[in-house]
Amino acid sequence: MKTGKKDDGLKPVLAYIPKEAMYEMGKALTFGASKYESWNYKNGIEITRTLSASLRHIYQFLDGENLDEESQSLHLGNAMANLAMAIDTYYNHPNLDNRHKK
């Protein structure tokens, strides 16, 4: 059987991303869309706000709390969602990159 050729070069293999992680991040983003509005983060959010929110969720998880009280979704999924929003801001709203720079 002959198969087609495709050179993916250095493209990231997105299939390596665990489906559970994507699902948890999706749950957090879905809750955010219902609370604020769909695609709200695409308007841009200061990068330190999303990074701080991500760290708060990580600290809560480290302290033994699995689920966010308001959304009832996994803190780690919320952290991932906030990191994804920070990355979106980095690429699409560089004017909102308000990190302290030496």
PDB file of N, CA and C in Angstrom:
ATOM      1  N   MET A   1       0.842  -1.179   0.000  1.00  0.00           N
ATOM      2  CA  MET A   1       0.000   0.000   0.000  1.00  0.00           C
ATOM      3  C   MET A   1       0.887   1.242   0.000  1.00  0.00           C
ATOM      4  N   LYS A   2       0.608   2.111  -0.907  1.00  0.00           N
ATOM      5  CA  LYS A   2       1.365   3.348  -1.017  1.00  0.00           C
ATOM      6  C   LYS A   2       0.653   4.438  -0.219  1.00  0.00           C
ATOM      7  N   THR A   3       1.416   5.247   0.539  1.00  0.00           N
ATOM      8  CA  THR A   3       0.825   6.346   1.310  1.00  0.00           C
ATOM      9  C   THR A   3       1.411   7.664   0.836  1.00  0.00           C
ATOM     10  N   GLY A   4       0.665   8.721   1.087  1.00  0.00           N
ATOM     11  CA  GLY A   4       1.119  10.048   0.710  1.00  0.00           C
ATOM     12  C   GLY A   4       2.289  10.512   1.560  1.00  0.00           C
ATOM     13  N   LYS A   5       3.009  11.493   1.062  1.00  0.00           N
ATOM     14  CA  LYS A   5       4.153  12.043   1.781  1.00  0.00           C
ATOM     15  C   LYS A   5       3.780  13.392   2.367  1.00  0.00           C
ATOM     16  N   LYS A   6       4.341  13.658   3.519  1.00  0.00           N
ATOM     17  CA  LYS A   6       4.112  14.953   4.160  1.00  0.00           C
ATOM     18  C   LYS A   6       5.325  15.254   5.013  1.00  0.00           C
ATOM     19  N   ASP A   7       5.924  16.409   4.816  1.00  0.00           N
ATOM     20  CA  ASP A   7       7.073  16.822   5.610  1.00  0.00           C
ATOM     21  C   ASP A   7       6.609  17.838   6.644  1.00  0.00           C
ATOM     22  N   ASP A   8       6.511  17.403   7.893  1.00  0.00           N
ATOM     23  CA  ASP A   8       6.086  18.309   8.959  1.00  0.00           C
ATOM     24  C   ASP A   8       7.252  19.106   9.525  1.00  0.00           C
ATOM     25  N   GLY A   9       8.455  18.774   9.139  1.00  0.00           N
ATOM     26  CA  GLY A   9       9.613  19.545   9.575  1.00  0.00           C
ATOM     27  C   GLY A   9       9.666  19.714  11.077  1.00  0.00           C
ATOM     28  N   LEU A  10       9.750  20.953  11.521  1.00  0.00           N
ATOM     29  CA  LEU A  10       9.869  21.260  12.940  1.00  0.00           C
ATOM     30  C   LEU A  10       8.550  21.682  13.575  1.00  0.00           C
ATOM     31  N   LYS A  11       7.445  21.366  12.925  1.00  0.00           N
ATOM     32  CA  LYS A  11       6.140  21.721  13.488  1.00  0.00           C
ATOM     33  C   LYS A  11       5.912  20.940  14.776  1.00  0.00           C
ATOM     34  N   PRO A  12       5.306  21.571  15.777  1.00  0.00           N
ATOM     35  CA  PRO A  12       5.054  20.835  17.023  1.00  0.00           C
ATOM     36  C   PRO A  12       4.020  19.736  16.805  1.00  0.00           C
ATOM     37  N   VAL A  13       4.218  18.635  17.499  1.00  0.00           N
ATOM     38  CA  VAL A  13       3.275  17.516  17.411  1.00  0.00           C
ATOM     39  C   VAL A  13       2.194  17.745  18.465  1.00  0.00           C
ATOM     40  N   LEU A  14       1.102  18.342  18.041  1.00  0.00           N
ATOM     41  CA  LEU A  14       0.036  18.693  18.970  1.00  0.00           C
ATOM     42  C   LEU A  14      -0.652  17.462  19.547  1.00  0.00           C
ATOM     43  N   ALA A  15      -0.488  16.332  18.905  1.00  0.00           N
ATOM     44  CA  ALA A  15      -1.070  15.092  19.426  1.00  0.00           C
ATOM     45  C   ALA A  15      -0.431  14.683  20.750  1.00  0.00           C
ATOM     46  N   TYR A  16       0.722  15.233  21.091  1.00  0.00           N
ATOM     47  CA  TYR A  16       1.382  14.925  22.358  1.00  0.00           C
ATOM     48  C   TYR A  16       0.704  15.580  23.555  1.00  0.00           C
ATOM     49  N   ILE A  17      -0.138  16.567  23.328  1.00  0.00           N
ATOM     50  CA  ILE A  17      -0.793  17.265  24.440  1.00  0.00           C
ATOM     51  C   ILE A  17      -1.841  16.335  25.043  1.00  0.00           C
ATOM     52  N   PRO A  18      -1.751  16.061  26.351  1.00  0.00           N
ATOM     53  CA  PRO A  18      -2.712  15.139  26.960  1.00  0.00           C
ATOM     54  C   PRO A  18      -4.147  15.651  26.827  1.00  0.00           C
ATOM     55  N   LYS A  19      -5.038  14.755  26.394  1.00  0.00           N
ATOM     56  CA  LYS A  19      -6.436  15.158  26.188  1.00  0.00           C
ATOM     57  C   LYS A  19      -7.073  15.624  27.489  1.00  0.00           C
ATOM     58  N   GLU A  20      -6.665  15.054  28.624  1.00  0.00           N
ATOM     59  CA  GLU A  20      -7.226  15.465  29.914  1.00  0.00           C
ATOM     60  C   GLU A  20      -6.878  16.921  30.208  1.00  0.00           C
ATOM     61  N   ALA A  21      -5.656  17.320  29.874  1.00  0.00           N
ATOM     62  CA  ALA A  21      -5.235  18.702  30.092  1.00  0.00           C
ATOM     63  C   ALA A  21      -6.021  19.662  29.200  1.00  0.00           C
ATOM     64  N   MET A  22      -6.192  19.273  27.943  1.00  0.00           N
ATOM     65  CA  MET A  22      -6.960  20.116  27.023  1.00  0.00           C
ATOM     66  C   MET A  22      -8.411  20.234  27.476  1.00  0.00           C
ATOM     67  N   TYR A  23      -8.974  19.128  27.957  1.00  0.00           N
ATOM     68  CA  TYR A  23     -10.353  19.121  28.430  1.00  0.00           C
ATOM     69  C   TYR A  23     -10.518  20.055  29.631  1.00  0.00           C
ATOM     70  N   GLU A  24      -9.586  19.975  30.586  1.00  0.00           N
ATOM     71  CA  GLU A  24      -9.667  20.837  31.774  1.00  0.00           C
ATOM     72  C   GLU A  24      -9.494  22.309  31.409  1.00  0.00           C
ATOM     73  N   MET A  25      -8.589  22.605  30.502  1.00  0.00           N
ATOM     74  CA  MET A  25      -8.428  23.988  30.058  1.00  0.00           C
ATOM     75  C   MET A  25      -9.685  24.447  29.331  1.00  0.00           C
ATOM     76  N   GLY A  26     -10.262  23.567  28.520  1.00  0.00           N
ATOM     77  CA  GLY A  26     -11.506  23.897  27.815  1.00  0.00           C
ATOM     78  C   GLY A  26     -12.651  24.180  28.773  1.00  0.00           C
ATOM     79  N   LYS A  27     -12.745  23.402  29.862  1.00  0.00           N
ATOM     80  CA  LYS A  27     -13.788  23.653  30.861  1.00  0.00           C
ATOM     81  C   LYS A  27     -13.612  25.044  31.475  1.00  0.00           C
ATOM     82  N   ALA A  28     -12.379  25.403  31.796  1.00  0.00           N
ATOM     83  CA  ALA A  28     -12.124  26.717  32.390  1.00  0.00           C
ATOM     84  C   ALA A  28     -12.467  27.840  31.406  1.00  0.00           C
ATOM     85  N   LEU A  29     -12.077  27.687  30.163  1.00  0.00           N
ATOM     86  CA  LEU A  29     -12.368  28.719  29.160  1.00  0.00           C
ATOM     87  C   LEU A  29     -13.863  28.814  28.876  1.00  0.00           C
ATOM     88  N   THR A  30     -14.563  27.688  28.916  1.00  0.00           N
ATOM     89  CA  THR A  30     -16.014  27.695  28.710  1.00  0.00           C
ATOM     90  C   THR A  30     -16.706  28.429  29.846  1.00  0.00           C
ATOM     91  N   PHE A  31     -16.258  28.183  31.090  1.00  0.00           N
ATOM     92  CA  PHE A  31     -16.833  28.904  32.221  1.00  0.00           C
ATOM     93  C   PHE A  31     -16.566  30.406  32.075  1.00  0.00           C
ATOM     94  N   GLY A  32     -15.353  30.764  31.684  1.00  0.00           N
ATOM     95  CA  GLY A  32     -15.017  32.176  31.478  1.00  0.00           C
ATOM     96  C   GLY A  32     -15.869  32.820  30.400  1.00  0.00           C
ATOM     97  N   ALA A  33     -16.147  32.078  29.334  1.00  0.00           N
ATOM     98  CA  ALA A  33     -16.987  32.614  28.259  1.00  0.00           C
ATOM     99  C   ALA A  33     -18.406  32.878  28.750  1.00  0.00           C
ATOM    100  N   SER A  34     -18.908  32.015  29.640  1.00  0.00           N
ATOM    101  CA  SER A  34     -20.261  32.234  30.162  1.00  0.00           C
ATOM    102  C   SER A  34     -20.287  33.363  31.188  1.00  0.00           C
ATOM    103  N   LYS A  35     -19.181  33.560  31.897  1.00  0.00           N
ATOM    104  CA  LYS A  35     -19.133  34.596  32.926  1.00  0.00           C
ATOM    105  C   LYS A  35     -18.891  35.987  32.331  1.00  0.00           C
ATOM    106  N   TYR A  36     -18.010  36.075  31.368  1.00  0.00           N
ATOM    107  CA  TYR A  36     -17.633  37.375  30.787  1.00  0.00           C
ATOM    108  C   TYR A  36     -18.283  37.552  29.425  1.00  0.00           C
ATOM    109  N   GLU A  37     -17.861  36.789  28.458  1.00  0.00           N
ATOM    110  CA  GLU A  37     -18.460  36.652  27.139  1.00  0.00           C
ATOM    111  C   GLU A  37     -17.490  35.851  26.300  1.00  0.00           C
ATOM    112  N   SER A  38     -17.984  35.213  25.262  1.00  0.00           N
ATOM    113  CA  SER A  38     -17.115  34.413  24.407  1.00  0.00           C
ATOM    114  C   SER A  38     -16.006  35.263  23.828  1.00  0.00           C
ATOM    115  N   TRP A  39     -14.818  34.726  23.853  1.00  0.00           N
ATOM    116  CA  TRP A  39     -13.639  35.363  23.268  1.00  0.00           C
ATOM    117  C   TRP A  39     -13.245  36.671  23.946  1.00  0.00           C
ATOM    118  N   ASN A  40     -13.711  36.921  25.159  1.00  0.00           N
ATOM    119  CA  ASN A  40     -13.394  38.158  25.871  1.00  0.00           C
ATOM    120  C   ASN A  40     -11.889  38.427  25.928  1.00  0.00           C
ATOM    121  N   TYR A  41     -11.111  37.379  26.190  1.00  0.00           N
ATOM    122  CA  TYR A  41      -9.667  37.554  26.330  1.00  0.00           C
ATOM    123  C   TYR A  41      -9.015  38.040  25.035  1.00  0.00           C
ATOM    124  N   LYS A  42      -9.676  37.821  23.889  1.00  0.00           N
ATOM    125  CA  LYS A  42      -9.111  38.261  22.615  1.00  0.00           C
ATOM    126  C   LYS A  42      -9.033  39.779  22.510  1.00  0.00           C
ATOM    127  N   ASN A  43      -9.755  40.490  23.395  1.00  0.00           N
ATOM    128  CA  ASN A  43      -9.648  41.946  23.433  1.00  0.00           C
ATOM    129  C   ASN A  43      -8.362  42.386  24.119  1.00  0.00           C
ATOM    130  N   GLY A  44      -7.716  41.450  24.777  1.00  0.00           N
ATOM    131  CA  GLY A  44      -6.458  41.740  25.468  1.00  0.00           C
ATOM    132  C   GLY A  44      -6.663  41.946  26.955  1.00  0.00           C
ATOM    133  N   ILE A  45      -5.796  41.343  27.729  1.00  0.00           N
ATOM    134  CA  ILE A  45      -5.784  41.491  29.185  1.00  0.00           C
ATOM    135  C   ILE A  45      -4.324  41.671  29.567  1.00  0.00           C
ATOM    136  N   GLU A  46      -4.050  42.606  30.467  1.00  0.00           N
ATOM    137  CA  GLU A  46      -2.662  42.807  30.878  1.00  0.00           C
ATOM    138  C   GLU A  46      -2.049  41.470  31.283  1.00  0.00           C
ATOM    139  N   ILE A  47      -0.852  41.236  30.791  1.00  0.00           N
ATOM    140  CA  ILE A  47      -0.239  39.918  30.942  1.00  0.00           C
ATOM    141  C   ILE A  47      -0.011  39.556  32.411  1.00  0.00           C
ATOM    142  N   THR A  48       0.287  40.527  33.269  1.00  0.00           N
ATOM    143  CA  THR A  48       0.511  40.186  34.675  1.00  0.00           C
ATOM    144  C   THR A  48      -0.782  39.772  35.372  1.00  0.00           C
ATOM    145  N   ARG A  49      -1.928  40.204  34.878  1.00  0.00           N
ATOM    146  CA  ARG A  49      -3.204  39.775  35.476  1.00  0.00           C
ATOM    147  C   ARG A  49      -3.445  38.291  35.230  1.00  0.00           C
ATOM    148  N   THR A  50      -3.212  37.832  33.989  1.00  0.00           N
ATOM    149  CA  THR A  50      -3.430  36.415  33.697  1.00  0.00           C
ATOM    150  C   THR A  50      -2.352  35.554  34.348  1.00  0.00           C
ATOM    151  N   LEU A  51      -1.126  36.043  34.412  1.00  0.00           N
ATOM    152  CA  LEU A  51      -0.069  35.280  35.078  1.00  0.00           C
ATOM    153  C   LEU A  51      -0.335  35.178  36.573  1.00  0.00           C
ATOM    154  N   SER A  52      -0.794  36.264  37.179  1.00  0.00           N
ATOM    155  CA  SER A  52      -1.119  36.232  38.608  1.00  0.00           C
ATOM    156  C   SER A  52      -2.270  35.280  38.887  1.00  0.00           C
ATOM    157  N   ALA A  53      -3.293  35.292  38.038  1.00  0.00           N
ATOM    158  CA  ALA A  53      -4.417  34.377  38.216  1.00  0.00           C
ATOM    159  C   ALA A  53      -3.951  32.932  38.094  1.00  0.00           C
ATOM    160  N   SER A  54      -3.083  32.669  37.132  1.00  0.00           N
ATOM    161  CA  SER A  54      -2.551  31.323  36.968  1.00  0.00           C
ATOM    162  C   SER A  54      -1.796  30.879  38.216  1.00  0.00           C
ATOM    163  N   LEU A  55      -0.968  31.750  38.749  1.00  0.00           N
ATOM    164  CA  LEU A  55      -0.211  31.411  39.961  1.00  0.00           C
ATOM    165  C   LEU A  55      -1.130  31.167  41.156  1.00  0.00           C
ATOM    166  N   ARG A  56      -2.191  31.964  41.279  1.00  0.00           N
ATOM    167  CA  ARG A  56      -3.136  31.737  42.384  1.00  0.00           C
ATOM    168  C   ARG A  56      -3.747  30.343  42.300  1.00  0.00           C
ATOM    169  N   HIS A  57      -4.128  29.936  41.092  1.00  0.00           N
ATOM    170  CA  HIS A  57      -4.692  28.595  40.925  1.00  0.00           C
ATOM    171  C   HIS A  57      -3.649  27.513  41.232  1.00  0.00           C
ATOM    172  N   ILE A  58      -2.428  27.727  40.819  1.00  0.00           N
ATOM    173  CA  ILE A  58      -1.363  26.760  41.108  1.00  0.00           C
ATOM    174  C   ILE A  58      -1.131  26.667  42.608  1.00  0.00           C
ATOM    175  N   TYR A  59      -1.068  27.811  43.292  1.00  0.00           N
ATOM    176  CA  TYR A  59      -0.856  27.799  44.746  1.00  0.00           C
ATOM    177  C   TYR A  59      -2.005  27.098  45.461  1.00  0.00           C
ATOM    178  N   GLN A  60      -3.234  27.343  45.012  1.00  0.00           N
ATOM    179  CA  GLN A  60      -4.382  26.679  45.642  1.00  0.00           C
ATOM    180  C   GLN A  60      -4.295  25.164  45.447  1.00  0.00           C
ATOM    181  N   PHE A  61      -3.882  24.740  44.270  1.00  0.00           N
ATOM    182  CA  PHE A  61      -3.728  23.318  44.015  1.00  0.00           C
ATOM    183  C   PHE A  61      -2.610  22.743  44.888  1.00  0.00           C
ATOM    184  N   LEU A  62      -1.500  23.469  44.998  1.00  0.00           N
ATOM    185  CA  LEU A  62      -0.392  23.019  45.844  1.00  0.00           C
ATOM    186  C   LEU A  62      -0.808  22.913  47.307  1.00  0.00           C
ATOM    187  N   ASP A  63      -1.740  23.751  47.721  1.00  0.00           N
ATOM    188  CA  ASP A  63      -2.241  23.707  49.098  1.00  0.00           C
ATOM    189  C   ASP A  63      -3.268  22.598  49.308  1.00  0.00           C
ATOM    190  N   GLY A  64      -3.527  21.785  48.286  1.00  0.00           N
ATOM    191  CA  GLY A  64      -4.403  20.641  48.431  1.00  0.00           C
ATOM    192  C   GLY A  64      -5.832  20.841  47.959  1.00  0.00           C
ATOM    193  N   GLU A  65      -6.134  21.993  47.405  1.00  0.00           N
ATOM    194  CA  GLU A  65      -7.491  22.263  46.908  1.00  0.00           C
ATOM    195  C   GLU A  65      -7.549  21.908  45.427  1.00  0.00           C
ATOM    196  N   ASN A  66      -8.361  20.933  45.077  1.00  0.00           N
ATOM    197  CA  ASN A  66      -8.416  20.470  43.694  1.00  0.00           C
ATOM    198  C   ASN A  66      -9.252  21.355  42.787  1.00  0.00           C
ATOM    199  N   LEU A  67     -10.459  21.732  43.259  1.00  0.00           N
ATOM    200  CA  LEU A  67     -11.415  22.432  42.409  1.00  0.00           C
ATOM    201  C   LEU A  67     -11.574  23.888  42.805  1.00  0.00           C
ATOM    202  N   ASP A  68     -11.708  24.733  41.795  1.00  0.00           N
ATOM    203  CA  ASP A  68     -12.041  26.134  42.002  1.00  0.00           C
ATOM    204  C   ASP A  68     -13.454  26.218  42.564  1.00  0.00           C
ATOM    205  N   GLU A  69     -13.626  27.006  43.613  1.00  0.00           N
ATOM    206  CA  GLU A  69     -14.923  27.072  44.288  1.00  0.00           C
ATOM    207  C   GLU A  69     -16.031  27.578  43.371  1.00  0.00           C
ATOM    208  N   GLU A  70     -15.731  28.601  42.572  1.00  0.00           N
ATOM    209  CA  GLU A  70     -16.774  29.213  41.738  1.00  0.00           C
ATOM    210  C   GLU A  70     -17.147  28.343  40.534  1.00  0.00           C
ATOM    211  N   SER A  71     -16.155  27.874  39.806  1.00  0.00           N
ATOM    212  CA  SER A  71     -16.427  27.142  38.563  1.00  0.00           C
ATOM    213  C   SER A  71     -16.545  25.638  38.752  1.00  0.00           C
ATOM    214  N   GLN A  72     -16.074  25.145  39.880  1.00  0.00           N
ATOM    215  CA  GLN A  72     -16.027  23.705  40.153  1.00  0.00           C
ATOM    216  C   GLN A  72     -15.185  22.965  39.116  1.00  0.00           C
ATOM    217  N   SER A  73     -14.229  23.667  38.535  1.00  0.00           N
ATOM    218  CA  SER A  73     -13.308  23.028  37.602  1.00  0.00           C
ATOM    219  C   SER A  73     -11.925  22.945  38.242  1.00  0.00           C
ATOM    220  N   LEU A  74     -11.104  22.053  37.738  1.00  0.00           N
ATOM    221  CA  LEU A  74      -9.789  21.793  38.299  1.00  0.00           C
ATOM    222  C   LEU A  74      -8.919  23.051  38.276  1.00  0.00           C
ATOM    223  N   HIS A  75      -8.288  23.355  39.405  1.00  0.00           N
ATOM    224  CA  HIS A  75      -7.416  24.537  39.476  1.00  0.00           C
ATOM    225  C   HIS A  75      -6.345  24.508  38.384  1.00  0.00           C
ATOM    226  N   LEU A  76      -5.807  23.328  38.100  1.00  0.00           N
ATOM    227  CA  LEU A  76      -4.757  23.250  37.081  1.00  0.00           C
ATOM    228  C   LEU A  76      -5.285  23.603  35.691  1.00  0.00           C
ATOM    229  N   GLY A  77      -6.526  23.263  35.395  1.00  0.00           N
ATOM    230  CA  GLY A  77      -7.130  23.668  34.127  1.00  0.00           C
ATOM    231  C   GLY A  77      -7.300  25.177  34.056  1.00  0.00           C
ATOM    232  N   ASN A  78      -7.671  25.781  35.175  1.00  0.00           N
ATOM    233  CA  ASN A  78      -7.787  27.240  35.226  1.00  0.00           C
ATOM    234  C   ASN A  78      -6.416  27.893  35.055  1.00  0.00           C
ATOM    235  N   ALA A  79      -5.398  27.299  35.661  1.00  0.00           N
ATOM    236  CA  ALA A  79      -4.039  27.825  35.493  1.00  0.00           C
ATOM    237  C   ALA A  79      -3.620  27.756  34.030  1.00  0.00           C
ATOM    238  N   MET A  80      -3.904  26.622  33.393  1.00  0.00           N
ATOM    239  CA  MET A  80      -3.574  26.476  31.975  1.00  0.00           C
ATOM    240  C   MET A  80      -4.311  27.505  31.114  1.00  0.00           C
ATOM    241  N   ALA A  81      -5.576  27.723  31.411  1.00  0.00           N
ATOM    242  CA  ALA A  81      -6.353  28.698  30.643  1.00  0.00           C
ATOM    243  C   ALA A  81      -5.752  30.088  30.777  1.00  0.00           C
ATOM    244  N   ASN A  82      -5.351  30.456  31.976  1.00  0.00           N
ATOM    245  CA  ASN A  82      -4.746  31.768  32.182  1.00  0.00           C
ATOM    246  C   ASN A  82      -3.388  31.870  31.495  1.00  0.00           C
ATOM    247  N   LEU A  83      -2.617  30.793  31.489  1.00  0.00           N
ATOM    248  CA  LEU A  83      -1.351  30.807  30.756  1.00  0.00           C
ATOM    249  C   LEU A  83      -1.594  30.929  29.258  1.00  0.00           C
ATOM    250  N   ALA A  84      -2.630  30.255  28.750  1.00  0.00           N
ATOM    251  CA  ALA A  84      -2.968  30.367  27.329  1.00  0.00           C
ATOM    252  C   ALA A  84      -3.348  31.806  26.978  1.00  0.00           C
ATOM    253  N   MET A  85      -4.094  32.454  27.877  1.00  0.00           N
ATOM    254  CA  MET A  85      -4.461  33.856  27.636  1.00  0.00           C
ATOM    255  C   MET A  85      -3.237  34.762  27.686  1.00  0.00           C
ATOM    256  N   ALA A  86      -2.282  34.450  28.570  1.00  0.00           N
ATOM    257  CA  ALA A  86      -1.044  35.233  28.632  1.00  0.00           C
ATOM    258  C   ALA A  86      -0.261  35.088  27.324  1.00  0.00           C
ATOM    259  N   ILE A  87      -0.229  33.877  26.785  1.00  0.00           N
ATOM    260  CA  ILE A  87       0.464  33.653  25.512  1.00  0.00           C
ATOM    261  C   ILE A  87      -0.240  34.399  24.388  1.00  0.00           C
ATOM    262  N   ASP A  88      -1.574  34.383  24.387  1.00  0.00           N
ATOM    263  CA  ASP A  88      -2.327  35.124  23.380  1.00  0.00           C
ATOM    264  C   ASP A  88      -2.006  36.617  23.466  1.00  0.00           C
ATOM    265  N   THR A  89      -1.960  37.142  24.683  1.00  0.00           N
ATOM    266  CA  THR A  89      -1.614  38.552  24.859  1.00  0.00           C
ATOM    267  C   THR A  89      -0.205  38.836  24.355  1.00  0.00           C
ATOM    268  N   TYR A  90       0.732  37.961  24.689  1.00  0.00           N
ATOM    269  CA  TYR A  90       2.125  38.134  24.264  1.00  0.00           C
ATOM    270  C   TYR A  90       2.225  38.288  22.750  1.00  0.00           C
ATOM    271  N   TYR A  91       1.497  37.438  22.025  1.00  0.00           N
ATOM    272  CA  TYR A  91       1.578  37.474  20.565  1.00  0.00           C
ATOM    273  C   TYR A  91       0.690  38.531  19.925  1.00  0.00           C
ATOM    274  N   ASN A  92      -0.478  38.790  20.486  1.00  0.00           N
ATOM    275  CA  ASN A  92      -1.464  39.627  19.806  1.00  0.00           C
ATOM    276  C   ASN A  92      -1.678  41.008  20.405  1.00  0.00           C
ATOM    277  N   HIS A  93      -1.198  41.223  21.630  1.00  0.00           N
ATOM    278  CA  HIS A  93      -1.347  42.532  22.275  1.00  0.00           C
ATOM    279  C   HIS A  93      -0.060  42.895  23.013  1.00  0.00           C
ATOM    280  N   PRO A  94       1.048  43.045  22.287  1.00  0.00           N
ATOM    281  CA  PRO A  94       2.321  43.329  22.964  1.00  0.00           C
ATOM    282  C   PRO A  94       2.285  44.612  23.795  1.00  0.00           C
ATOM    283  N   ASN A  95       1.375  45.499  23.488  1.00  0.00           N
ATOM    284  CA  ASN A  95       1.227  46.731  24.268  1.00  0.00           C
ATOM    285  C   ASN A  95       0.709  46.452  25.676  1.00  0.00           C
ATOM    286  N   LEU A  96       0.133  45.260  25.908  1.00  0.00           N
ATOM    287  CA  LEU A  96      -0.382  44.889  27.228  1.00  0.00           C
ATOM    288  C   LEU A  96       0.597  44.009  28.007  1.00  0.00           C
ATOM    289  N   ASP A  97       1.808  43.866  27.488  1.00  0.00           N
ATOM    290  CA  ASP A  97       2.849  43.126  28.193  1.00  0.00           C
ATOM    291  C   ASP A  97       3.453  44.071  29.235  1.00  0.00           C
ATOM    292  N   ASN A  98       2.911  44.008  30.438  1.00  0.00           N
ATOM    293  CA  ASN A  98       3.289  44.959  31.485  1.00  0.00           C
ATOM    294  C   ASN A  98       4.232  44.337  32.526  1.00  0.00           C
ATOM    295  N   ARG A  99       4.980  43.313  32.098  1.00  0.00           N
ATOM    296  CA  ARG A  99       5.961  42.729  33.018  1.00  0.00           C
ATOM    297  C   ARG A  99       7.037  43.745  33.354  1.00  0.00           C
ATOM    298  N   HIS A 100       7.593  43.612  34.543  1.00  0.00           N
ATOM    299  CA  HIS A 100       8.745  44.433  34.912  1.00  0.00           C
ATOM    300  C   HIS A 100       9.939  43.932  34.135  1.00  0.00           C
ATOM    301  N   LYS A 101      10.596  44.813  33.461  1.00  0.00           N
ATOM    302  CA  LYS A 101      11.774  44.434  32.671  1.00  0.00           C
ATOM    303  C   LYS A 101      12.987  45.200  33.188  1.00  0.00           C
ATOM    304  N   LYS A 102      14.066  44.473  33.403  1.00  0.00           N
ATOM    305  CA  LYS A 102      15.299  45.086  33.907  1.00  0.00           C
ATOM    306  C   LYS A 102      15.921  46.002  32.883  1.00  0.00           C
TER     307      LYS A 102
END
